[in-house]
Amino acid sequence: MRKSIIVHGGGGRAPTGPTGERQSVLDRAAAAGMRGRTAVEMVELAVHVVEDHPMFDSATGAVLTLDGECELDACLMTGDGRLGAVAGLTRTRYPISVARAVMEKTDHHLLVGSGATRFARLNGFPDYDPRTPERVAYWKRLRRDLRLGTDRPDFRFWKKLRFWHRKYGLFETCGACAIDARGGFAAATSTGGIWMKLPGRVGDTPVPGAGTCANAFGAISATGHGEGVMRHAFGRTAVELMRRLPCQEALEATIRLASKHGIECGIIGVDRRGRLGAAKSAGWMQVGIAGAR
């Protein structure tokens, strides 16, 4: 088997930064992933590159909650059934590595909130503020433009979030899928979620079978409107389709289902034969690829 990797940096209706720079980061991420020996190492190294770039919504440069904090979600799954995830992780540079630590060092699959952050510190991940001046400035502008009060929550806004995000189409999750030289494959996804989300909101990324999924037939990483992806379990749908379809056909079939339900998203994947694929119902989704035939 020839090892290969595909990386995405989110999707939406229009990119929020230069597409050339975004593509360059994704290409570097794919190249970094090729330095890994196992599929797990490959996806972790690739996601690190994107987590470190402030243009993307994963770690450094993650979007802010309604309260102005970053709550980070990440998940790593393998074709042989291993799984680790974190949700609501705070002040950590590499959420995907914390997810890997959950997979390899605990009997659990998912750690959340303060427990996830405490676990990160106990495993040597130092305190790190992922907020950038640009993200903080934009958060202040959104609060002003949305006329959010500072004394108490605006309950009317809570039910408008999904319409607001559909209007702007801001989905910048990052993810990677890889297969190694021995035929092992894995998927990893890392995100800061959606702008102005309620504190404690968890999207599709750390939910097995939703934004990240892997089984004996393939592995996927998704981006898009998290509630929709989670509600319909598109990740599980895609990898189950790989039981009988090549990767690309399975992803396209899943995206047709997403479009039927009016859900903007994108999916990348790899199947057990090493075939990579990418499909989207959103207007754009850039990917980086390395090692593919």
Foldseek 3Di string as FASTA:
>chain_A
DFKKKKKWFFFWADQPDDPVVVQVLQQVLRVQLVPDAAQLSSFQSSVLSSLPDLSFFFFQVNAAALVGFFFKKKKKAKAAGFIFIETRAGQFRRRNVLRVCCRPPHPDHYYYHPRSNVSCVVVPTDGHGNYDPVNSVVSVVVCVVVVADDPDGDVVVLVCVVVVCNVVTDKGKMKMWMAHPVLMIMIMIMGRADHHHHRPDDFQRRPELFQWYHYNWKTKHKIFGRVLSNVVSLRVQLSVVSVPDANAVSQVVSQVVCVVVPTWMKMWMATSVGDIHIDTPHNDMDMHMPRDD
